[in-house]
Amino acid sequence: MDQNFDNNNQQQPQYQQQPQYQPASDKSKVAAGLLGIFIGSLGIHKFYLGYSKEGVIMLLVSLLTLGFGAGIMGIIGLIEGIIYLTKTDADFENIYVVGRKGWF
């Protein structure tokens, strides 16, 4: 029945604090998503993210088809806007800002 407990030798578990997410850019996924949803047919969300080539393509398709292509570009913008908004901040940053994925 003689038990020797030495509480001084027991180590307390060390908890590390999770680092706070710090974006590498000032590009907001909410702004990009809302631009894609509301005026995606003009490719404004692409210009906002720095995708000039993709933005020009969407803008020209909408304008040169006298608005007929704007419906298709609007659907693409809507889909991309929803995709942007459903990503986590870190995923959005890695895929669209750092990774430079231009379409979907």
PDB file of N, CA and C in Angstrom:
ATOM      1  N   MET A   1       0.793  -1.173   0.000  1.00  0.00           N
ATOM      2  CA  MET A   1       0.000   0.000   0.000  1.00  0.00           C
ATOM      3  C   MET A   1       0.846   1.252   0.000  1.00  0.00           C
ATOM      4  N   ASP A   2       2.094   1.058   0.008  1.00  0.00           N
ATOM      5  CA  ASP A   2       2.991   2.206   0.033  1.00  0.00           C
ATOM      6  C   ASP A   2       3.223   2.661  -1.409  1.00  0.00           C
ATOM      7  N   GLN A   3       2.540   3.699  -1.799  1.00  0.00           N
ATOM      8  CA  GLN A   3       2.702   4.232  -3.146  1.00  0.00           C
ATOM      9  C   GLN A   3       3.400   5.573  -3.054  1.00  0.00           C
ATOM     10  N   ASN A   4       4.371   5.709  -3.907  1.00  0.00           N
ATOM     11  CA  ASN A   4       5.145   6.943  -3.903  1.00  0.00           C
ATOM     12  C   ASN A   4       4.757   7.762  -5.137  1.00  0.00           C
ATOM     13  N   PHE A   5       4.008   8.816  -4.922  1.00  0.00           N
ATOM     14  CA  PHE A   5       3.618   9.693  -6.025  1.00  0.00           C
ATOM     15  C   PHE A   5       4.491  10.932  -5.990  1.00  0.00           C
ATOM     16  N   ASP A   6       5.103  11.192  -7.112  1.00  0.00           N
ATOM     17  CA  ASP A   6       5.941  12.380  -7.209  1.00  0.00           C
ATOM     18  C   ASP A   6       5.287  13.322  -8.210  1.00  0.00           C
ATOM     19  N   ASN A   7       4.517  14.275  -7.755  1.00  0.00           N
ATOM     20  CA  ASN A   7       3.802  15.203  -8.630  1.00  0.00           C
ATOM     21  C   ASN A   7       4.732  16.181  -9.325  1.00  0.00           C
ATOM     22  N   ASN A   8       5.926  16.341  -8.831  1.00  0.00           N
ATOM     23  CA  ASN A   8       6.850  17.289  -9.453  1.00  0.00           C
ATOM     24  C   ASN A   8       7.385  16.767 -10.771  1.00  0.00           C
ATOM     25  N   ASN A   9       7.387  15.462 -10.968  1.00  0.00           N
ATOM     26  CA  ASN A   9       7.926  14.888 -12.206  1.00  0.00           C
ATOM     27  C   ASN A   9       6.882  14.792 -13.311  1.00  0.00           C
ATOM     28  N   GLN A  10       5.642  14.989 -12.980  1.00  0.00           N
ATOM     29  CA  GLN A  10       4.605  14.931 -14.005  1.00  0.00           C
ATOM     30  C   GLN A  10       4.596  16.242 -14.775  1.00  0.00           C
ATOM     31  N   GLN A  11       4.611  16.103 -16.096  1.00  0.00           N
ATOM     32  CA  GLN A  11       4.614  17.302 -16.923  1.00  0.00           C
ATOM     33  C   GLN A  11       3.194  17.618 -17.365  1.00  0.00           C
ATOM     34  N   GLN A  12       2.889  18.872 -17.356  1.00  0.00           N
ATOM     35  CA  GLN A  12       1.594  19.325 -17.838  1.00  0.00           C
ATOM     36  C   GLN A  12       1.644  19.351 -19.370  1.00  0.00           C
ATOM     37  N   PRO A  13       0.537  18.993 -20.015  1.00  0.00           N
ATOM     38  CA  PRO A  13       0.541  19.035 -21.483  1.00  0.00           C
ATOM     39  C   PRO A  13       0.712  20.464 -21.989  1.00  0.00           C
ATOM     40  N   GLN A  14       1.507  20.608 -23.011  1.00  0.00           N
ATOM     41  CA  GLN A  14       1.759  21.912 -23.621  1.00  0.00           C
ATOM     42  C   GLN A  14       0.782  22.105 -24.776  1.00  0.00           C
ATOM     43  N   TYR A  15       0.060  23.191 -24.745  1.00  0.00           N
ATOM     44  CA  TYR A  15      -0.882  23.502 -25.813  1.00  0.00           C
ATOM     45  C   TYR A  15      -0.301  24.620 -26.656  1.00  0.00           C
ATOM     46  N   GLN A  16      -0.270  24.343 -27.949  1.00  0.00           N
ATOM     47  CA  GLN A  16       0.230  25.374 -28.859  1.00  0.00           C
ATOM     48  C   GLN A  16      -0.958  26.103 -29.454  1.00  0.00           C
ATOM     49  N   GLN A  17      -0.808  27.383 -29.552  1.00  0.00           N
ATOM     50  CA  GLN A  17      -1.857  28.193 -30.135  1.00  0.00           C
ATOM     51  C   GLN A  17      -1.759  28.091 -31.653  1.00  0.00           C
ATOM     52  N   GLN A  18      -2.913  27.910 -32.301  1.00  0.00           N
ATOM     53  CA  GLN A  18      -2.945  27.853 -33.752  1.00  0.00           C
ATOM     54  C   GLN A  18      -2.628  29.240 -34.307  1.00  0.00           C
ATOM     55  N   PRO A  19      -1.770  29.301 -35.314  1.00  0.00           N
ATOM     56  CA  PRO A  19      -1.474  30.616 -35.896  1.00  0.00           C
ATOM     57  C   PRO A  19      -2.699  31.178 -36.606  1.00  0.00           C
ATOM     58  N   GLN A  20      -2.886  32.465 -36.500  1.00  0.00           N
ATOM     59  CA  GLN A  20      -3.989  33.129 -37.167  1.00  0.00           C
ATOM     60  C   GLN A  20      -3.696  33.190 -38.659  1.00  0.00           C
ATOM     61  N   TYR A  21      -4.734  32.993 -39.471  1.00  0.00           N
ATOM     62  CA  TYR A  21      -4.584  33.058 -40.919  1.00  0.00           C
ATOM     63  C   TYR A  21      -4.326  34.499 -41.338  1.00  0.00           C
ATOM     64  N   GLN A  22      -3.260  34.704 -42.063  1.00  0.00           N
ATOM     65  CA  GLN A  22      -2.918  36.027 -42.578  1.00  0.00           C
ATOM     66  C   GLN A  22      -2.883  35.951 -44.101  1.00  0.00           C
ATOM     67  N   PRO A  23      -3.795  36.632 -44.793  1.00  0.00           N
ATOM     68  CA  PRO A  23      -3.791  36.568 -46.251  1.00  0.00           C
ATOM     69  C   PRO A  23      -2.552  37.226 -46.834  1.00  0.00           C
ATOM     70  N   ALA A  24      -2.072  36.665 -47.944  1.00  0.00           N
ATOM     71  CA  ALA A  24      -0.897  37.202 -48.610  1.00  0.00           C
ATOM     72  C   ALA A  24      -1.259  38.392 -49.494  1.00  0.00           C
ATOM     73  N   SER A  25      -2.540  38.586 -49.729  1.00  0.00           N
ATOM     74  CA  SER A  25      -2.982  39.645 -50.617  1.00  0.00           C
ATOM     75  C   SER A  25      -4.186  40.351 -49.992  1.00  0.00           C
ATOM     76  N   ASP A  26      -4.540  41.481 -50.547  1.00  0.00           N
ATOM     77  CA  ASP A  26      -5.703  42.204 -50.050  1.00  0.00           C
ATOM     78  C   ASP A  26      -6.961  41.860 -50.835  1.00  0.00           C
ATOM     79  N   LYS A  27      -6.916  40.832 -51.667  1.00  0.00           N
ATOM     80  CA  LYS A  27      -8.070  40.416 -52.465  1.00  0.00           C
ATOM     81  C   LYS A  27      -9.066  39.694 -51.577  1.00  0.00           C
ATOM     82  N   SER A  28     -10.299  40.162 -51.582  1.00  0.00           N
ATOM     83  CA  SER A  28     -11.351  39.613 -50.742  1.00  0.00           C
ATOM     84  C   SER A  28     -12.181  38.617 -51.534  1.00  0.00           C
ATOM     85  N   LYS A  29     -12.406  37.442 -50.944  1.00  0.00           N
ATOM     86  CA  LYS A  29     -13.242  36.451 -51.621  1.00  0.00           C
ATOM     87  C   LYS A  29     -14.688  36.921 -51.683  1.00  0.00           C
ATOM     88  N   VAL A  30     -15.131  37.681 -50.686  1.00  0.00           N
ATOM     89  CA  VAL A  30     -16.506  38.185 -50.690  1.00  0.00           C
ATOM     90  C   VAL A  30     -16.691  39.183 -51.826  1.00  0.00           C
ATOM     91  N   ALA A  31     -15.751  40.090 -51.983  1.00  0.00           N
ATOM     92  CA  ALA A  31     -15.848  41.072 -53.075  1.00  0.00           C
ATOM     93  C   ALA A  31     -15.812  40.369 -54.431  1.00  0.00           C
ATOM     94  N   ALA A  32     -14.889  39.431 -54.610  1.00  0.00           N
ATOM     95  CA  ALA A  32     -14.792  38.707 -55.881  1.00  0.00           C
ATOM     96  C   ALA A  32     -16.061  37.903 -56.139  1.00  0.00           C
ATOM     97  N   GLY A  33     -16.581  37.257 -55.101  1.00  0.00           N
ATOM     98  CA  GLY A  33     -17.800  36.471 -55.258  1.00  0.00           C
ATOM     99  C   GLY A  33     -19.000  37.319 -55.630  1.00  0.00           C
ATOM    100  N   LEU A  34     -19.170  38.442 -54.955  1.00  0.00           N
ATOM    101  CA  LEU A  34     -20.309  39.308 -55.257  1.00  0.00           C
ATOM    102  C   LEU A  34     -20.190  39.947 -56.644  1.00  0.00           C
ATOM    103  N   LEU A  35     -18.981  40.320 -57.035  1.00  0.00           N
ATOM    104  CA  LEU A  35     -18.784  40.856 -58.393  1.00  0.00           C
ATOM    105  C   LEU A  35     -19.128  39.791 -59.436  1.00  0.00           C
ATOM    106  N   GLY A  36     -18.713  38.551 -59.175  1.00  0.00           N
ATOM    107  CA  GLY A  36     -19.028  37.467 -60.099  1.00  0.00           C
ATOM    108  C   GLY A  36     -20.519  37.201 -60.193  1.00  0.00           C
ATOM    109  N   ILE A  37     -21.206  37.247 -59.072  1.00  0.00           N
ATOM    110  CA  ILE A  37     -22.641  36.963 -59.061  1.00  0.00           C
ATOM    111  C   ILE A  37     -23.439  38.077 -59.739  1.00  0.00           C
ATOM    112  N   PHE A  38     -23.132  39.319 -59.421  1.00  0.00           N
ATOM    113  CA  PHE A  38     -23.974  40.417 -59.902  1.00  0.00           C
ATOM    114  C   PHE A  38     -23.578  40.987 -61.257  1.00  0.00           C
ATOM    115  N   ILE A  39     -22.280  41.079 -61.551  1.00  0.00           N
ATOM    116  CA  ILE A  39     -21.875  41.612 -62.866  1.00  0.00           C
ATOM    117  C   ILE A  39     -20.820  40.715 -63.507  1.00  0.00           C
ATOM    118  N   GLY A  40     -20.990  39.424 -63.328  1.00  0.00           N
ATOM    119  CA  GLY A  40     -20.044  38.456 -63.862  1.00  0.00           C
ATOM    120  C   GLY A  40     -20.010  38.406 -65.372  1.00  0.00           C
ATOM    121  N   SER A  41     -21.079  38.809 -66.035  1.00  0.00           N
ATOM    122  CA  SER A  41     -21.094  38.753 -67.497  1.00  0.00           C
ATOM    123  C   SER A  41     -20.082  39.703 -68.114  1.00  0.00           C
ATOM    124  N   LEU A  42     -19.662  40.710 -67.364  1.00  0.00           N
ATOM    125  CA  LEU A  42     -18.660  41.655 -67.861  1.00  0.00           C
ATOM    126  C   LEU A  42     -17.239  41.273 -67.448  1.00  0.00           C
ATOM    127  N   GLY A  43     -17.105  40.235 -66.642  1.00  0.00           N
ATOM    128  CA  GLY A  43     -15.779  39.766 -66.236  1.00  0.00           C
ATOM    129  C   GLY A  43     -15.095  40.637 -65.203  1.00  0.00           C
ATOM    130  N   ILE A  44     -15.858  41.468 -64.506  1.00  0.00           N
ATOM    131  CA  ILE A  44     -15.268  42.392 -63.536  1.00  0.00           C
ATOM    132  C   ILE A  44     -14.564  41.633 -62.414  1.00  0.00           C
ATOM    133  N   HIS A  45     -15.122  40.499 -62.006  1.00  0.00           N
ATOM    134  CA  HIS A  45     -14.489  39.711 -60.948  1.00  0.00           C
ATOM    135  C   HIS A  45     -13.124  39.193 -61.382  1.00  0.00           C
ATOM    136  N   LYS A  46     -12.955  38.942 -62.671  1.00  0.00           N
ATOM    137  CA  LYS A  46     -11.654  38.503 -63.190  1.00  0.00           C
ATOM    138  C   LYS A  46     -10.632  39.641 -63.109  1.00  0.00           C
ATOM    139  N   PHE A  47     -11.063  40.842 -63.506  1.00  0.00           N
ATOM    140  CA  PHE A  47     -10.174  41.995 -63.403  1.00  0.00           C
ATOM    141  C   PHE A  47      -9.793  42.264 -61.954  1.00  0.00           C
ATOM    142  N   TYR A  48     -10.750  42.120 -61.045  1.00  0.00           N
ATOM    143  CA  TYR A  48     -10.494  42.337 -59.625  1.00  0.00           C
ATOM    144  C   TYR A  48      -9.408  41.394 -59.107  1.00  0.00           C
ATOM    145  N   LEU A  49      -9.428  40.144 -59.554  1.00  0.00           N
ATOM    146  CA  LEU A  49      -8.439  39.159 -59.104  1.00  0.00           C
ATOM    147  C   LEU A  49      -7.130  39.241 -59.886  1.00  0.00           C
ATOM    148  N   GLY A  50      -7.072  40.095 -60.896  1.00  0.00           N
ATOM    149  CA  GLY A  50      -5.841  40.270 -61.656  1.00  0.00           C
ATOM    150  C   GLY A  50      -5.738  39.381 -62.880  1.00  0.00           C
ATOM    151  N   TYR A  51      -6.839  38.763 -63.288  1.00  0.00           N
ATOM    152  CA  TYR A  51      -6.854  37.917 -64.480  1.00  0.00           C
ATOM    153  C   TYR A  51      -7.313  38.752 -65.669  1.00  0.00           C
ATOM    154  N   SER A  52      -6.411  39.545 -66.203  1.00  0.00           N
ATOM    155  CA  SER A  52      -6.786  40.467 -67.280  1.00  0.00           C
ATOM    156  C   SER A  52      -7.215  39.735 -68.544  1.00  0.00           C
ATOM    157  N   LYS A  53      -6.493  38.693 -68.924  1.00  0.00           N
ATOM    158  CA  LYS A  53      -6.820  37.958 -70.154  1.00  0.00           C
ATOM    159  C   LYS A  53      -8.223  37.353 -70.068  1.00  0.00           C
ATOM    160  N   GLU A  54      -8.533  36.708 -68.952  1.00  0.00           N
ATOM    161  CA  GLU A  54      -9.846  36.096 -68.774  1.00  0.00           C
ATOM    162  C   GLU A  54     -10.943  37.153 -68.704  1.00  0.00           C
ATOM    163  N   GLY A  55     -10.652  38.285 -68.059  1.00  0.00           N
ATOM    164  CA  GLY A  55     -11.614  39.377 -67.979  1.00  0.00           C
ATOM    165  C   GLY A  55     -11.923  39.972 -69.339  1.00  0.00           C
ATOM    166  N   VAL A  56     -10.895  40.147 -70.158  1.00  0.00           N
ATOM    167  CA  VAL A  56     -11.095  40.682 -71.515  1.00  0.00           C
ATOM    168  C   VAL A  56     -11.916  39.700 -72.344  1.00  0.00           C
ATOM    169  N   ILE A  57     -11.648  38.415 -72.212  1.00  0.00           N
ATOM    170  CA  ILE A  57     -12.417  37.405 -72.960  1.00  0.00           C
ATOM    171  C   ILE A  57     -13.895  37.501 -72.602  1.00  0.00           C
ATOM    172  N   MET A  58     -14.203  37.554 -71.300  1.00  0.00           N
ATOM    173  CA  MET A  58     -15.610  37.624 -70.886  1.00  0.00           C
ATOM    174  C   MET A  58     -16.261  38.919 -71.347  1.00  0.00           C
ATOM    175  N   LEU A  59     -15.548  40.019 -71.249  1.00  0.00           N
ATOM    176  CA  LEU A  59     -16.084  41.310 -71.660  1.00  0.00           C
ATOM    177  C   LEU A  59     -16.340  41.341 -73.168  1.00  0.00           C
ATOM    178  N   LEU A  60     -15.383  40.858 -73.951  1.00  0.00           N
ATOM    179  CA  LEU A  60     -15.550  40.872 -75.408  1.00  0.00           C
ATOM    180  C   LEU A  60     -16.653  39.937 -75.875  1.00  0.00           C
ATOM    181  N   VAL A  61     -16.768  38.774 -75.257  1.00  0.00           N
ATOM    182  CA  VAL A  61     -17.863  37.859 -75.635  1.00  0.00           C
ATOM    183  C   VAL A  61     -19.205  38.531 -75.370  1.00  0.00           C
ATOM    184  N   SER A  62     -19.324  39.211 -74.240  1.00  0.00           N
ATOM    185  CA  SER A  62     -20.582  39.883 -73.918  1.00  0.00           C
ATOM    186  C   SER A  62     -20.879  41.032 -74.872  1.00  0.00           C
ATOM    187  N   LEU A  63     -19.864  41.818 -75.222  1.00  0.00           N
ATOM    188  CA  LEU A  63     -20.083  42.997 -76.063  1.00  0.00           C
ATOM    189  C   LEU A  63     -20.164  42.673 -77.549  1.00  0.00           C
ATOM    190  N   LEU A  64     -19.284  41.805 -78.035  1.00  0.00           N
ATOM    191  CA  LEU A  64     -19.232  41.544 -79.480  1.00  0.00           C
ATOM    192  C   LEU A  64     -20.387  40.688 -79.978  1.00  0.00           C
ATOM    193  N   THR A  65     -21.060  40.005 -79.085  1.00  0.00           N
ATOM    194  CA  THR A  65     -22.239  39.222 -79.496  1.00  0.00           C
ATOM    195  C   THR A  65     -23.520  40.031 -79.294  1.00  0.00           C
ATOM    196  N   LEU A  66     -23.367  41.336 -79.087  1.00  0.00           N
ATOM    197  CA  LEU A  66     -24.491  42.256 -78.878  1.00  0.00           C
ATOM    198  C   LEU A  66     -25.381  41.810 -77.722  1.00  0.00           C
ATOM    199  N   GLY A  67     -24.766  41.229 -76.693  1.00  0.00           N
ATOM    200  CA  GLY A  67     -25.496  40.839 -75.501  1.00  0.00           C
ATOM    201  C   GLY A  67     -25.960  39.397 -75.470  1.00  0.00           C
ATOM    202  N   PHE A  68     -25.921  38.705 -76.624  1.00  0.00           N
ATOM    203  CA  PHE A  68     -26.373  37.316 -76.628  1.00  0.00           C
ATOM    204  C   PHE A  68     -25.433  36.413 -75.831  1.00  0.00           C
ATOM    205  N   GLY A  69     -24.149  36.686 -75.894  1.00  0.00           N
ATOM    206  CA  GLY A  69     -23.174  35.905 -75.135  1.00  0.00           C
ATOM    207  C   GLY A  69     -23.119  36.299 -73.666  1.00  0.00           C
ATOM    208  N   ALA A  70     -23.739  37.433 -73.329  1.00  0.00           N
ATOM    209  CA  ALA A  70     -23.712  37.906 -71.943  1.00  0.00           C
ATOM    210  C   ALA A  70     -24.443  36.932 -71.022  1.00  0.00           C
ATOM    211  N   GLY A  71     -25.451  36.251 -71.521  1.00  0.00           N
ATOM    212  CA  GLY A  71     -26.167  35.273 -70.706  1.00  0.00           C
ATOM    213  C   GLY A  71     -25.264  34.128 -70.286  1.00  0.00           C
ATOM    214  N   ILE A  72     -24.486  33.648 -71.232  1.00  0.00           N
ATOM    215  CA  ILE A  72     -23.551  32.551 -70.929  1.00  0.00           C
ATOM    216  C   ILE A  72     -22.460  33.041 -69.989  1.00  0.00           C
ATOM    217  N   MET A  73     -21.917  34.227 -70.259  1.00  0.00           N
ATOM    218  CA  MET A  73     -20.883  34.779 -69.391  1.00  0.00           C
ATOM    219  C   MET A  73     -21.444  35.080 -67.994  1.00  0.00           C
ATOM    220  N   GLY A  74     -22.711  35.480 -67.934  1.00  0.00           N
ATOM    221  CA  GLY A  74     -23.358  35.727 -66.647  1.00  0.00           C
ATOM    222  C   GLY A  74     -23.492  34.442 -65.831  1.00  0.00           C
ATOM    223  N   ILE A  75     -23.820  33.339 -66.502  1.00  0.00           N
ATOM    224  CA  ILE A  75     -23.911  32.046 -65.809  1.00  0.00           C
ATOM    225  C   ILE A  75     -22.540  31.628 -65.303  1.00  0.00           C
ATOM    226  N   ILE A  76     -21.511  31.821 -66.124  1.00  0.00           N
ATOM    227  CA  ILE A  76     -20.147  31.497 -65.691  1.00  0.00           C
ATOM    228  C   ILE A  76     -19.764  32.358 -64.489  1.00  0.00           C
ATOM    229  N   GLY A  77     -20.071  33.649 -64.544  1.00  0.00           N
ATOM    230  CA  GLY A  77     -19.778  34.541 -63.420  1.00  0.00           C
ATOM    231  C   GLY A  77     -20.529  34.139 -62.162  1.00  0.00           C
ATOM    232  N   LEU A  78     -21.785  33.737 -62.312  1.00  0.00           N
ATOM    233  CA  LEU A  78     -22.580  33.290 -61.170  1.00  0.00           C
ATOM    234  C   LEU A  78     -21.966  32.052 -60.525  1.00  0.00           C
ATOM    235  N   ILE A  79     -21.603  31.084 -61.346  1.00  0.00           N
ATOM    236  CA  ILE A  79     -20.995  29.854 -60.826  1.00  0.00           C
ATOM    237  C   ILE A  79     -19.679  30.158 -60.129  1.00  0.00           C
ATOM    238  N   GLU A  80     -18.844  30.979 -60.777  1.00  0.00           N
ATOM    239  CA  GLU A  80     -17.556  31.316 -60.163  1.00  0.00           C
ATOM    240  C   GLU A  80     -17.744  32.100 -58.862  1.00  0.00           C
ATOM    241  N   GLY A  81     -18.709  33.007 -58.828  1.00  0.00           N
ATOM    242  CA  GLY A  81     -18.970  33.765 -57.613  1.00  0.00           C
ATOM    243  C   GLY A  81     -19.383  32.863 -56.465  1.00  0.00           C
ATOM    244  N   ILE A  82     -20.231  31.893 -56.747  1.00  0.00           N
ATOM    245  CA  ILE A  82     -20.649  30.942 -55.709  1.00  0.00           C
ATOM    246  C   ILE A  82     -19.471  30.097 -55.255  1.00  0.00           C
ATOM    247  N   ILE A  83     -18.643  29.669 -56.204  1.00  0.00           N
ATOM    248  CA  ILE A  83     -17.453  28.885 -55.846  1.00  0.00           C
ATOM    249  C   ILE A  83     -16.533  29.699 -54.946  1.00  0.00           C
ATOM    250  N   TYR A  84     -16.306  30.951 -55.287  1.00  0.00           N
ATOM    251  CA  TYR A  84     -15.440  31.806 -54.464  1.00  0.00           C
ATOM    252  C   TYR A  84     -15.971  31.904 -53.038  1.00  0.00           C
ATOM    253  N   LEU A  85     -17.272  32.106 -52.905  1.00  0.00           N
ATOM    254  CA  LEU A  85     -17.861  32.310 -51.583  1.00  0.00           C
ATOM    255  C   LEU A  85     -17.899  31.046 -50.735  1.00  0.00           C
ATOM    256  N   THR A  86     -17.885  29.881 -51.375  1.00  0.00           N
ATOM    257  CA  THR A  86     -17.938  28.628 -50.611  1.00  0.00           C
ATOM    258  C   THR A  86     -16.560  28.130 -50.192  1.00  0.00           C
ATOM    259  N   LYS A  87     -15.512  28.718 -50.715  1.00  0.00           N
ATOM    260  CA  LYS A  87     -14.153  28.329 -50.313  1.00  0.00           C
ATOM    261  C   LYS A  87     -13.804  28.964 -48.965  1.00  0.00           C
ATOM    262  N   THR A  88     -12.938  28.302 -48.234  1.00  0.00           N
ATOM    263  CA  THR A  88     -12.408  28.942 -47.032  1.00  0.00           C
ATOM    264  C   THR A  88     -11.469  30.058 -47.470  1.00  0.00           C
ATOM    265  N   ASP A  89     -11.167  30.967 -46.565  1.00  0.00           N
ATOM    266  CA  ASP A  89     -10.257  32.065 -46.905  1.00  0.00           C
ATOM    267  C   ASP A  89      -8.910  31.536 -47.387  1.00  0.00           C
ATOM    268  N   ALA A  90      -8.383  30.529 -46.691  1.00  0.00           N
ATOM    269  CA  ALA A  90      -7.077  29.973 -47.060  1.00  0.00           C
ATOM    270  C   ALA A  90      -7.140  29.276 -48.419  1.00  0.00           C
ATOM    271  N   ASP A  91      -8.212  28.511 -48.674  1.00  0.00           N
ATOM    272  CA  ASP A  91      -8.351  27.840 -49.966  1.00  0.00           C
ATOM    273  C   ASP A  91      -8.482  28.849 -51.098  1.00  0.00           C
ATOM    274  N   PHE A  92      -9.297  29.883 -50.888  1.00  0.00           N
ATOM    275  CA  PHE A  92      -9.461  30.925 -51.900  1.00  0.00           C
ATOM    276  C   PHE A  92      -8.117  31.566 -52.220  1.00  0.00           C
ATOM    277  N   GLU A  93      -7.377  31.890 -51.171  1.00  0.00           N
ATOM    278  CA  GLU A  93      -6.061  32.513 -51.336  1.00  0.00           C
ATOM    279  C   GLU A  93      -5.119  31.606 -52.122  1.00  0.00           C
ATOM    280  N   ASN A  94      -5.061  30.324 -51.738  1.00  0.00           N
ATOM    281  CA  ASN A  94      -4.136  29.386 -52.379  1.00  0.00           C
ATOM    282  C   ASN A  94      -4.516  29.090 -53.818  1.00  0.00           C
ATOM    283  N   ILE A  95      -5.796  28.953 -54.095  1.00  0.00           N
ATOM    284  CA  ILE A  95      -6.226  28.565 -55.443  1.00  0.00           C
ATOM    285  C   ILE A  95      -6.245  29.746 -56.397  1.00  0.00           C
ATOM    286  N   TYR A  96      -6.857  30.847 -55.990  1.00  0.00           N
ATOM    287  CA  TYR A  96      -7.128  31.932 -56.937  1.00  0.00           C
ATOM    288  C   TYR A  96      -6.161  33.107 -56.866  1.00  0.00           C
ATOM    289  N   VAL A  97      -5.542  33.332 -55.729  1.00  0.00           N
ATOM    290  CA  VAL A  97      -4.611  34.462 -55.630  1.00  0.00           C
ATOM    291  C   VAL A  97      -3.180  33.979 -55.837  1.00  0.00           C
ATOM    292  N   VAL A  98      -2.769  32.961 -55.091  1.00  0.00           N
ATOM    293  CA  VAL A  98      -1.404  32.442 -55.212  1.00  0.00           C
ATOM    294  C   VAL A  98      -1.293  31.503 -56.416  1.00  0.00           C
ATOM    295  N   GLY A  99      -2.244  30.565 -56.533  1.00  0.00           N
ATOM    296  CA  GLY A  99      -2.197  29.561 -57.594  1.00  0.00           C
ATOM    297  C   GLY A  99      -2.598  30.077 -58.960  1.00  0.00           C
ATOM    298  N   ARG A 100      -3.279  31.230 -59.002  1.00  0.00           N
ATOM    299  CA  ARG A 100      -3.669  31.883 -60.262  1.00  0.00           C
ATOM    300  C   ARG A 100      -4.518  30.996 -61.163  1.00  0.00           C
ATOM    301  N   LYS A 101      -5.488  30.282 -60.592  1.00  0.00           N
ATOM    302  CA  LYS A 101      -6.394  29.452 -61.389  1.00  0.00           C
ATOM    303  C   LYS A 101      -7.427  30.373 -62.021  1.00  0.00           C
ATOM    304  N   GLY A 102      -7.407  30.483 -63.335  1.00  0.00           N
ATOM    305  CA  GLY A 102      -8.225  31.470 -64.053  1.00  0.00           C
ATOM    306  C   GLY A 102      -9.685  31.127 -64.232  1.00  0.00           C
ATOM    307  N   TRP A 103      -9.989  29.875 -64.441  1.00  0.00           N
ATOM    308  CA  TRP A 103     -11.374  29.486 -64.710  1.00  0.00           C
ATOM    309  C   TRP A 103     -11.837  28.446 -63.705  1.00  0.00           C
ATOM    310  N   PHE A 104     -13.019  28.623 -63.210  1.00  0.00           N
ATOM    311  CA  PHE A 104     -13.683  27.723 -62.258  1.00  0.00           C
ATOM    312  C   PHE A 104     -12.698  27.267 -61.222  1.00  0.00           C
TER     313      PHE A 104
END
